[in-house]
């Protein structure tokens, strides 16, 4: 697992979620899906970062 790439993906997903929320609402399905994706990426990051330590 390439942690720098995963970190970049997390940041991109976060930015996308924020923009969606600003242009729609926090309850919009696209915002919810982006939030779920972000949670998944963050969980992966912590899982693999603790294995590498």
PDB file of N, CA and C in Angstrom:
ATOM      1  N   UNK A   1       0.857  -1.193   0.000  1.00  0.00           N
ATOM      2  CA  UNK A   1       0.000   0.000   0.000  1.00  0.00           C
ATOM      3  C   UNK A   1       0.889   1.237   0.000  1.00  0.00           C
ATOM      4  N   UNK A   2       0.619   2.143  -0.904  1.00  0.00           N
ATOM      5  CA  UNK A   2       1.388   3.377  -1.015  1.00  0.00           C
ATOM      6  C   UNK A   2       0.686   4.467  -0.200  1.00  0.00           C
ATOM      7  N   UNK A   3       1.208   4.734   0.993  1.00  0.00           N
ATOM      8  CA  UNK A   3       0.556   5.690   1.896  1.00  0.00           C
ATOM      9  C   UNK A   3       0.491   7.114   1.343  1.00  0.00           C
ATOM     10  N   UNK A   4       1.521   7.617   0.674  1.00  0.00           N
ATOM     11  CA  UNK A   4       1.388   8.976   0.109  1.00  0.00           C
ATOM     12  C   UNK A   4       0.247   9.091  -0.912  1.00  0.00           C
ATOM     13  N   UNK A   5       0.062   8.059  -1.720  1.00  0.00           N
ATOM     14  CA  UNK A   5      -1.034   8.076  -2.687  1.00  0.00           C
ATOM     15  C   UNK A   5      -2.372   8.008  -1.974  1.00  0.00           C
ATOM     16  N   UNK A   6      -2.451   7.167  -0.955  1.00  0.00           N
ATOM     17  CA  UNK A   6      -3.680   7.057  -0.182  1.00  0.00           C
ATOM     18  C   UNK A   6      -4.005   8.380   0.513  1.00  0.00           C
ATOM     19  N   UNK A   7      -2.984   9.031   1.023  1.00  0.00           N
ATOM     20  CA  UNK A   7      -3.176  10.335   1.671  1.00  0.00           C
ATOM     21  C   UNK A   7      -3.705  11.365   0.667  1.00  0.00           C
ATOM     22  N   UNK A   8      -3.169  11.337  -0.543  1.00  0.00           N
ATOM     23  CA  UNK A   8      -3.642  12.236  -1.611  1.00  0.00           C
ATOM     24  C   UNK A   8      -5.103  11.933  -1.963  1.00  0.00           C
ATOM     25  N   UNK A   9      -5.438  10.649  -2.051  1.00  0.00           N
ATOM     26  CA  UNK A   9      -6.815  10.250  -2.345  1.00  0.00           C
ATOM     27  C   UNK A   9      -7.776  10.724  -1.257  1.00  0.00           C
ATOM     28  N   UNK A  10      -7.332  10.651  -0.002  1.00  0.00           N
ATOM     29  CA  UNK A  10      -8.149  11.127   1.114  1.00  0.00           C
ATOM     30  C   UNK A  10      -8.415  12.617   0.965  1.00  0.00           C
ATOM     31  N   UNK A  11      -7.380  13.366   0.681  1.00  0.00           N
ATOM     32  CA  UNK A  11      -7.542  14.814   0.537  1.00  0.00           C
ATOM     33  C   UNK A  11      -8.448  15.164  -0.641  1.00  0.00           C
ATOM     34  N   UNK A  12      -8.284  14.469  -1.761  1.00  0.00           N
ATOM     35  CA  UNK A  12      -9.142  14.721  -2.920  1.00  0.00           C
ATOM     36  C   UNK A  12     -10.602  14.408  -2.608  1.00  0.00           C
ATOM     37  N   UNK A  13     -10.834  13.310  -1.929  1.00  0.00           N
ATOM     38  CA  UNK A  13     -12.193  12.916  -1.569  1.00  0.00           C
ATOM     39  C   UNK A  13     -12.807  13.935  -0.606  1.00  0.00           C
ATOM     40  N   UNK A  14     -12.008  14.399   0.346  1.00  0.00           N
ATOM     41  CA  UNK A  14     -12.498  15.398   1.300  1.00  0.00           C
ATOM     42  C   UNK A  14     -12.887  16.684   0.575  1.00  0.00           C
ATOM     43  N   UNK A  15     -12.047  17.126  -0.334  1.00  0.00           N
ATOM     44  CA  UNK A  15     -12.350  18.347  -1.090  1.00  0.00           C
ATOM     45  C   UNK A  15     -13.623  18.181  -1.913  1.00  0.00           C
ATOM     46  N   UNK A  16     -13.772  17.016  -2.536  1.00  0.00           N
ATOM     47  CA  UNK A  16     -14.971  16.747  -3.326  1.00  0.00           C
ATOM     48  C   UNK A  16     -16.220  16.778  -2.445  1.00  0.00           C
ATOM     49  N   UNK A  17     -16.136  16.162  -1.268  1.00  0.00           N
ATOM     50  CA  UNK A  17     -17.273  16.126  -0.354  1.00  0.00           C
ATOM     51  C   UNK A  17     -17.655  17.537   0.107  1.00  0.00           C
ATOM     52  N   UNK A  18     -16.660  18.336   0.428  1.00  0.00           N
ATOM     53  CA  UNK A  18     -16.925  19.711   0.878  1.00  0.00           C
ATOM     54  C   UNK A  18     -17.597  20.514  -0.231  1.00  0.00           C
ATOM     55  N   UNK A  19     -17.087  20.396  -1.450  1.00  0.00           N
ATOM     56  CA  UNK A  19     -17.681  21.124  -2.564  1.00  0.00           C
ATOM     57  C   UNK A  19     -19.117  20.681  -2.831  1.00  0.00           C
ATOM     58  N   UNK A  20     -19.349  19.378  -2.774  1.00  0.00           N
ATOM     59  CA  UNK A  20     -20.714  18.877  -2.951  1.00  0.00           C
ATOM     60  C   UNK A  20     -21.637  19.443  -1.878  1.00  0.00           C
ATOM     61  N   UNK A  21     -21.173  19.438  -0.646  1.00  0.00           N
ATOM     62  CA  UNK A  21     -21.993  19.937   0.468  1.00  0.00           C
ATOM     63  C   UNK A  21     -22.279  21.427   0.322  1.00  0.00           C
ATOM     64  N   UNK A  22     -21.295  22.176  -0.152  1.00  0.00           N
ATOM     65  CA  UNK A  22     -21.500  23.618  -0.340  1.00  0.00           C
ATOM     66  C   UNK A  22     -22.503  23.906  -1.452  1.00  0.00           C
ATOM     67  N   UNK A  23     -22.523  23.050  -2.474  1.00  0.00           N
ATOM     68  CA  UNK A  23     -23.391  23.275  -3.622  1.00  0.00           C
ATOM     69  C   UNK A  23     -24.757  22.607  -3.503  1.00  0.00           C
ATOM     70  N   UNK A  24     -24.903  21.698  -2.566  1.00  0.00           N
ATOM     71  CA  UNK A  24     -26.187  21.007  -2.381  1.00  0.00           C
ATOM     72  C   UNK A  24     -26.593  21.150  -0.918  1.00  0.00           C
ATOM     73  N   UNK A  25     -26.594  20.045  -0.213  1.00  0.00           N
ATOM     74  CA  UNK A  25     -26.857  20.059   1.224  1.00  0.00           C
ATOM     75  C   UNK A  25     -26.153  18.872   1.851  1.00  0.00           C
ATOM     76  N   UNK A  26     -26.041  18.899   3.168  1.00  0.00           N
ATOM     77  CA  UNK A  26     -25.382  17.803   3.872  1.00  0.00           C
ATOM     78  C   UNK A  26     -26.168  16.500   3.735  1.00  0.00           C
ATOM     79  N   UNK A  27     -27.453  16.591   3.421  1.00  0.00           N
ATOM     80  CA  UNK A  27     -28.308  15.412   3.302  1.00  0.00           C
ATOM     81  C   UNK A  27     -28.367  14.858   1.880  1.00  0.00           C
ATOM     82  N   UNK A  28     -27.713  15.512   0.953  1.00  0.00           N
ATOM     83  CA  UNK A  28     -27.703  15.046  -0.428  1.00  0.00           C
ATOM     84  C   UNK A  28     -27.026  13.681  -0.499  1.00  0.00           C
ATOM     85  N   UNK A  29     -27.580  12.786  -1.280  1.00  0.00           N
ATOM     86  CA  UNK A  29     -27.050  11.418  -1.372  1.00  0.00           C
ATOM     87  C   UNK A  29     -25.596  11.393  -1.841  1.00  0.00           C
ATOM     88  N   UNK A  30     -25.224  12.318  -2.721  1.00  0.00           N
ATOM     89  CA  UNK A  30     -23.841  12.359  -3.198  1.00  0.00           C
ATOM     90  C   UNK A  30     -22.871  12.735  -2.087  1.00  0.00           C
ATOM     91  N   UNK A  31     -23.303  13.615  -1.178  1.00  0.00           N
ATOM     92  CA  UNK A  31     -22.472  13.996  -0.036  1.00  0.00           C
ATOM     93  C   UNK A  31     -22.323  12.798   0.900  1.00  0.00           C
ATOM     94  N   UNK A  32     -23.403  12.099   1.131  1.00  0.00           N
ATOM     95  CA  UNK A  32     -23.373  10.924   2.002  1.00  0.00           C
ATOM     96  C   UNK A  32     -22.450   9.855   1.426  1.00  0.00           C
ATOM     97  N   UNK A  33     -22.540   9.618   0.128  1.00  0.00           N
ATOM     98  CA  UNK A  33     -21.671   8.627  -0.508  1.00  0.00           C
ATOM     99  C   UNK A  33     -20.204   9.054  -0.441  1.00  0.00           C
ATOM    100  N   UNK A  34     -19.942  10.333  -0.661  1.00  0.00           N
ATOM    101  CA  UNK A  34     -18.570  10.832  -0.567  1.00  0.00           C
ATOM    102  C   UNK A  34     -18.045  10.679   0.859  1.00  0.00           C
ATOM    103  N   UNK A  35     -18.897  10.907   1.841  1.00  0.00           N
ATOM    104  CA  UNK A  35     -18.511  10.748   3.239  1.00  0.00           C
ATOM    105  C   UNK A  35     -18.173   9.291   3.561  1.00  0.00           C
ATOM    106  N   UNK A  36     -18.970   8.376   3.041  1.00  0.00           N
ATOM    107  CA  UNK A  36     -18.698   6.942   3.245  1.00  0.00           C
ATOM    108  C   UNK A  36     -17.368   6.551   2.595  1.00  0.00           C
ATOM    109  N   UNK A  37     -17.138   7.066   1.394  1.00  0.00           N
ATOM    110  CA  UNK A  37     -15.877   6.781   0.704  1.00  0.00           C
ATOM    111  C   UNK A  37     -14.698   7.339   1.501  1.00  0.00           C
ATOM    112  N   UNK A  38     -14.853   8.559   2.015  1.00  0.00           N
ATOM    113  CA  UNK A  38     -13.801   9.183   2.809  1.00  0.00           C
ATOM    114  C   UNK A  38     -13.524   8.370   4.069  1.00  0.00           C
ATOM    115  N   UNK A  39     -14.562   7.936   4.746  1.00  0.00           N
ATOM    116  CA  UNK A  39     -14.394   7.091   5.936  1.00  0.00           C
ATOM    117  C   UNK A  39     -13.600   5.837   5.597  1.00  0.00           C
ATOM    118  N   UNK A  40     -13.955   5.212   4.485  1.00  0.00           N
ATOM    119  CA  UNK A  40     -13.267   3.990   4.069  1.00  0.00           C
ATOM    120  C   UNK A  40     -11.780   4.259   3.807  1.00  0.00           C
ATOM    121  N   UNK A  41     -11.483   5.336   3.102  1.00  0.00           N
ATOM    122  CA  UNK A  41     -10.092   5.673   2.799  1.00  0.00           C
ATOM    123  C   UNK A  41      -9.304   5.971   4.077  1.00  0.00           C
ATOM    124  N   UNK A  42      -9.918   6.691   5.007  1.00  0.00           N
ATOM    125  CA  UNK A  42      -9.245   6.999   6.275  1.00  0.00           C
ATOM    126  C   UNK A  42      -8.983   5.720   7.071  1.00  0.00           C
ATOM    127  N   UNK A  43      -9.955   4.830   7.099  1.00  0.00           N
ATOM    128  CA  UNK A  43      -9.761   3.560   7.799  1.00  0.00           C
ATOM    129  C   UNK A  43      -8.620   2.756   7.177  1.00  0.00           C
ATOM    130  N   UNK A  44      -8.564   2.732   5.850  1.00  0.00           N
ATOM    131  CA  UNK A  44      -7.456   2.048   5.171  1.00  0.00           C
ATOM    132  C   UNK A  44      -6.120   2.684   5.542  1.00  0.00           C
ATOM    133  N   UNK A  45      -6.085   3.998   5.553  1.00  0.00           N
ATOM    134  CA  UNK A  45      -4.850   4.707   5.878  1.00  0.00           C
ATOM    135  C   UNK A  45      -4.353   4.322   7.270  1.00  0.00           C
ATOM    136  N   UNK A  46      -5.241   4.348   8.256  1.00  0.00           N
ATOM    137  CA  UNK A  46      -4.827   4.007   9.609  1.00  0.00           C
ATOM    138  C   UNK A  46      -4.445   2.536   9.725  1.00  0.00           C
ATOM    139  N   UNK A  47      -5.149   1.679   9.029  1.00  0.00           N
ATOM    140  CA  UNK A  47      -4.833   0.251   9.055  1.00  0.00           C
ATOM    141  C   UNK A  47      -3.421  -0.001   8.535  1.00  0.00           C
ATOM    142  N   UNK A  48      -3.107   0.580   7.388  1.00  0.00           N
ATOM    143  CA  UNK A  48      -1.801   0.336   6.787  1.00  0.00           C
ATOM    144  C   UNK A  48      -0.688   1.162   7.424  1.00  0.00           C
ATOM    145  N   UNK A  49      -1.005   2.330   7.957  1.00  0.00           N
ATOM    146  CA  UNK A  49       0.037   3.130   8.595  1.00  0.00           C
ATOM    147  C   UNK A  49       0.481   2.499   9.901  1.00  0.00           C
ATOM    148  N   UNK A  50      -0.407   1.832  10.611  1.00  0.00           N
ATOM    149  CA  UNK A  50      -0.011   1.168  11.856  1.00  0.00           C
ATOM    150  C   UNK A  50       0.764  -0.117  11.572  1.00  0.00           C
ATOM    151  N   UNK A  51       0.496  -0.761  10.444  1.00  0.00           N
ATOM    152  CA  UNK A  51       1.255  -1.958  10.060  1.00  0.00           C
ATOM    153  C   UNK A  51       2.692  -1.587   9.673  1.00  0.00           C
ATOM    154  N   UNK A  52       2.867  -0.418   9.105  1.00  0.00           N
ATOM    155  CA  UNK A  52       4.185   0.009   8.648  1.00  0.00           C
ATOM    156  C   UNK A  52       5.054   0.527   9.793  1.00  0.00           C
ATOM    157  N   UNK A  53       4.430   0.857  10.906  1.00  0.00           N
ATOM    158  CA  UNK A  53       5.190   1.442  12.027  1.00  0.00           C
ATOM    159  C   UNK A  53       5.898   0.385  12.839  1.00  0.00           C
TER     160      UNK A  53
END
